[in-house]
Amino acid sequence: MQERERVEHVVRAAANAMGVTPEGVRSSQRTHDLSLARHIAAYILREDFYMTFTEVSIALGCLDASSARYGWLKIHDGEKPLATLLLPQVRAAASITVPMQ
């Protein structure tokens, strides 16, 4: 699977988990559900695909890299418990297998 396809799977899975559209995830709208879906996608793209924050920002619709880092950091630091709960569901829907740590 190519990178663009993997990114699309992640964005679609994050959008579905939050009940929003993939287009909404890539938009600049800042509703709670869209922002959380965007943060989830940013986290997975960074952690599972080892994308840089700049690459993540481009994949999510030209957010600046600091916005992608902020979304990742919120989940990484445990400040988004709902997102943490949804990560396995989104990974499964996007067909991502993560090795046990």
C-alpha atoms as a PDB file:
ATOM      1  CA  MET A   1       0.000   0.000   0.000  1.00  0.00           C
ATOM      2  CA  GLN A   2       1.356   3.391  -0.929  1.00  0.00           C
ATOM      3  CA  GLU A   3       1.727   6.257   1.523  1.00  0.00           C
ATOM      4  CA  ARG A   4      -1.177   8.274   0.098  1.00  0.00           C
ATOM      5  CA  GLU A   5      -3.477   5.267   0.468  1.00  0.00           C
ATOM      6  CA  ARG A   6      -2.333   4.649   4.047  1.00  0.00           C
ATOM      7  CA  VAL A   7      -2.889   8.297   4.926  1.00  0.00           C
ATOM      8  CA  GLU A   8      -6.366   8.175   3.381  1.00  0.00           C
ATOM      9  CA  HIS A   9      -7.215   5.035   5.382  1.00  0.00           C
ATOM     10  CA  VAL A  10      -6.127   6.731   8.614  1.00  0.00           C
ATOM     11  CA  VAL A  11      -8.031   9.950   7.894  1.00  0.00           C
ATOM     12  CA  ARG A  12     -11.167   8.015   6.908  1.00  0.00           C
ATOM     13  CA  ALA A  13     -10.955   5.790  10.006  1.00  0.00           C
ATOM     14  CA  ALA A  14     -10.452   8.772  12.347  1.00  0.00           C
ATOM     15  CA  ALA A  15     -13.341  10.608  10.695  1.00  0.00           C
ATOM     16  CA  ASN A  16     -15.642   7.593  11.003  1.00  0.00           C
ATOM     17  CA  ALA A  17     -14.745   7.129  14.677  1.00  0.00           C
ATOM     18  CA  MET A  18     -15.819  10.711  15.387  1.00  0.00           C
ATOM     19  CA  GLY A  19     -18.808  10.751  13.044  1.00  0.00           C
ATOM     20  CA  VAL A  20     -17.387  13.390  10.699  1.00  0.00           C
ATOM     21  CA  THR A  21     -16.226  13.392   7.083  1.00  0.00           C
ATOM     22  CA  PRO A  22     -12.656  13.005   5.855  1.00  0.00           C
ATOM     23  CA  GLU A  23     -13.067  16.363   4.134  1.00  0.00           C
ATOM     24  CA  GLY A  24     -13.942  17.893   7.490  1.00  0.00           C
ATOM     25  CA  VAL A  25     -10.802  16.429   9.052  1.00  0.00           C
ATOM     26  CA  ARG A  26      -8.744  18.131   6.342  1.00  0.00           C
ATOM     27  CA  SER A  27     -10.608  21.421   6.691  1.00  0.00           C
ATOM     28  CA  SER A  28      -9.696  24.335   8.925  1.00  0.00           C
ATOM     29  CA  GLN A  29     -12.918  24.018  10.935  1.00  0.00           C
ATOM     30  CA  ARG A  30     -12.329  23.666  14.650  1.00  0.00           C
ATOM     31  CA  THR A  31     -15.366  21.884  16.068  1.00  0.00           C
ATOM     32  CA  HIS A  32     -14.620  19.437  18.865  1.00  0.00           C
ATOM     33  CA  ASP A  33     -15.293  16.310  16.806  1.00  0.00           C
ATOM     34  CA  LEU A  34     -13.284  17.513  13.802  1.00  0.00           C
ATOM     35  CA  SER A  35     -10.357  18.620  15.961  1.00  0.00           C
ATOM     36  CA  LEU A  36     -10.284  15.335  17.840  1.00  0.00           C
ATOM     37  CA  ALA A  37     -10.415  13.323  14.605  1.00  0.00           C
ATOM     38  CA  ARG A  38      -7.581  15.474  13.261  1.00  0.00           C
ATOM     39  CA  HIS A  39      -5.541  14.927  16.451  1.00  0.00           C
ATOM     40  CA  ILE A  40      -6.097  11.157  16.261  1.00  0.00           C
ATOM     41  CA  ALA A  41      -5.008  11.081  12.622  1.00  0.00           C
ATOM     42  CA  ALA A  42      -1.945  13.216  13.389  1.00  0.00           C
ATOM     43  CA  TYR A  43      -0.959  10.928  16.260  1.00  0.00           C
ATOM     44  CA  ILE A  44      -1.270   7.749  14.201  1.00  0.00           C
ATOM     45  CA  LEU A  45       0.561   9.203  11.202  1.00  0.00           C
ATOM     46  CA  ARG A  46       3.414  10.311  13.451  1.00  0.00           C
ATOM     47  CA  GLU A  47       3.652   7.222  15.676  1.00  0.00           C
ATOM     48  CA  ASP A  48       2.841   4.421  13.243  1.00  0.00           C
ATOM     49  CA  PHE A  49       4.178   5.793   9.956  1.00  0.00           C
ATOM     50  CA  TYR A  50       7.047   7.834  11.410  1.00  0.00           C
ATOM     51  CA  MET A  51       6.030  10.897   9.393  1.00  0.00           C
ATOM     52  CA  THR A  52       7.552  14.242  10.296  1.00  0.00           C
ATOM     53  CA  PHE A  53       5.235  16.910  11.654  1.00  0.00           C
ATOM     54  CA  THR A  54       5.605  18.757   8.363  1.00  0.00           C
ATOM     55  CA  GLU A  55       4.545  15.638   6.435  1.00  0.00           C
ATOM     56  CA  VAL A  56       1.621  15.128   8.810  1.00  0.00           C
ATOM     57  CA  SER A  57       0.525  18.721   8.377  1.00  0.00           C
ATOM     58  CA  ILE A  58       0.559  18.412   4.596  1.00  0.00           C
ATOM     59  CA  ALA A  59      -1.340  15.111   4.735  1.00  0.00           C
ATOM     60  CA  LEU A  60      -4.017  16.710   6.911  1.00  0.00           C
ATOM     61  CA  GLY A  61      -4.631  19.673   4.686  1.00  0.00           C
ATOM     62  CA  CYS A  62      -1.778  22.137   5.081  1.00  0.00           C
ATOM     63  CA  LEU A  63      -1.997  22.788   8.791  1.00  0.00           C
ATOM     64  CA  ASP A  64       1.306  24.180   9.903  1.00  0.00           C
ATOM     65  CA  ALA A  65       3.690  21.720  11.511  1.00  0.00           C
ATOM     66  CA  SER A  66       3.176  23.218  14.976  1.00  0.00           C
ATOM     67  CA  SER A  67      -0.549  22.412  14.769  1.00  0.00           C
ATOM     68  CA  ALA A  68       0.216  18.796  13.874  1.00  0.00           C
ATOM     69  CA  ARG A  69       2.672  18.623  16.787  1.00  0.00           C
ATOM     70  CA  TYR A  70       0.090  20.119  19.155  1.00  0.00           C
ATOM     71  CA  GLY A  71      -2.481  17.470  18.186  1.00  0.00           C
ATOM     72  CA  TRP A  72       0.052  14.688  18.610  1.00  0.00           C
ATOM     73  CA  LEU A  73       1.239  16.075  21.955  1.00  0.00           C
ATOM     74  CA  LYS A  74      -2.271  16.283  23.411  1.00  0.00           C
ATOM     75  CA  ILE A  75      -2.775  12.556  22.846  1.00  0.00           C
ATOM     76  CA  HIS A  76       0.795  11.600  23.720  1.00  0.00           C
ATOM     77  CA  ASP A  77       0.559  13.376  27.078  1.00  0.00           C
ATOM     78  CA  GLY A  78      -2.810  11.796  27.878  1.00  0.00           C
ATOM     79  CA  GLU A  79      -4.779  15.039  27.727  1.00  0.00           C
ATOM     80  CA  LYS A  80      -7.327  13.527  25.334  1.00  0.00           C
ATOM     81  CA  PRO A  81      -8.639  10.373  27.053  1.00  0.00           C
ATOM     82  CA  LEU A  82     -11.372   9.806  24.454  1.00  0.00           C
ATOM     83  CA  ALA A  83      -8.753   9.839  21.706  1.00  0.00           C
ATOM     84  CA  THR A  84      -6.659   7.318  23.629  1.00  0.00           C
ATOM     85  CA  LEU A  85      -9.683   5.038  23.863  1.00  0.00           C
ATOM     86  CA  LEU A  86     -10.380   5.396  20.141  1.00  0.00           C
ATOM     87  CA  LEU A  87      -6.825   4.722  18.932  1.00  0.00           C
ATOM     88  CA  PRO A  88      -7.181   0.899  18.765  1.00  0.00           C
ATOM     89  CA  GLN A  89     -10.512   1.229  16.930  1.00  0.00           C
ATOM     90  CA  VAL A  90      -9.070   3.684  14.403  1.00  0.00           C
ATOM     91  CA  ARG A  91      -5.954   1.571  13.889  1.00  0.00           C
ATOM     92  CA  ALA A  92      -8.098  -1.529  13.310  1.00  0.00           C
ATOM     93  CA  ALA A  93     -10.347   0.303  10.867  1.00  0.00           C
ATOM     94  CA  ALA A  94      -7.303   1.591   8.993  1.00  0.00           C
ATOM     95  CA  SER A  95      -5.806  -1.937   9.019  1.00  0.00           C
ATOM     96  CA  ILE A  96      -2.752  -0.871  11.003  1.00  0.00           C
ATOM     97  CA  THR A  97      -1.000  -3.438  13.122  1.00  0.00           C
ATOM     98  CA  VAL A  98       1.188  -2.074  15.873  1.00  0.00           C
ATOM     99  CA  PRO A  99       3.813  -4.353  17.421  1.00  0.00           C
ATOM    100  CA  MET A 100       3.453  -5.033  21.141  1.00  0.00           C
ATOM    101  CA  GLN A 101       5.803  -2.914  23.232  1.00  0.00           C
END
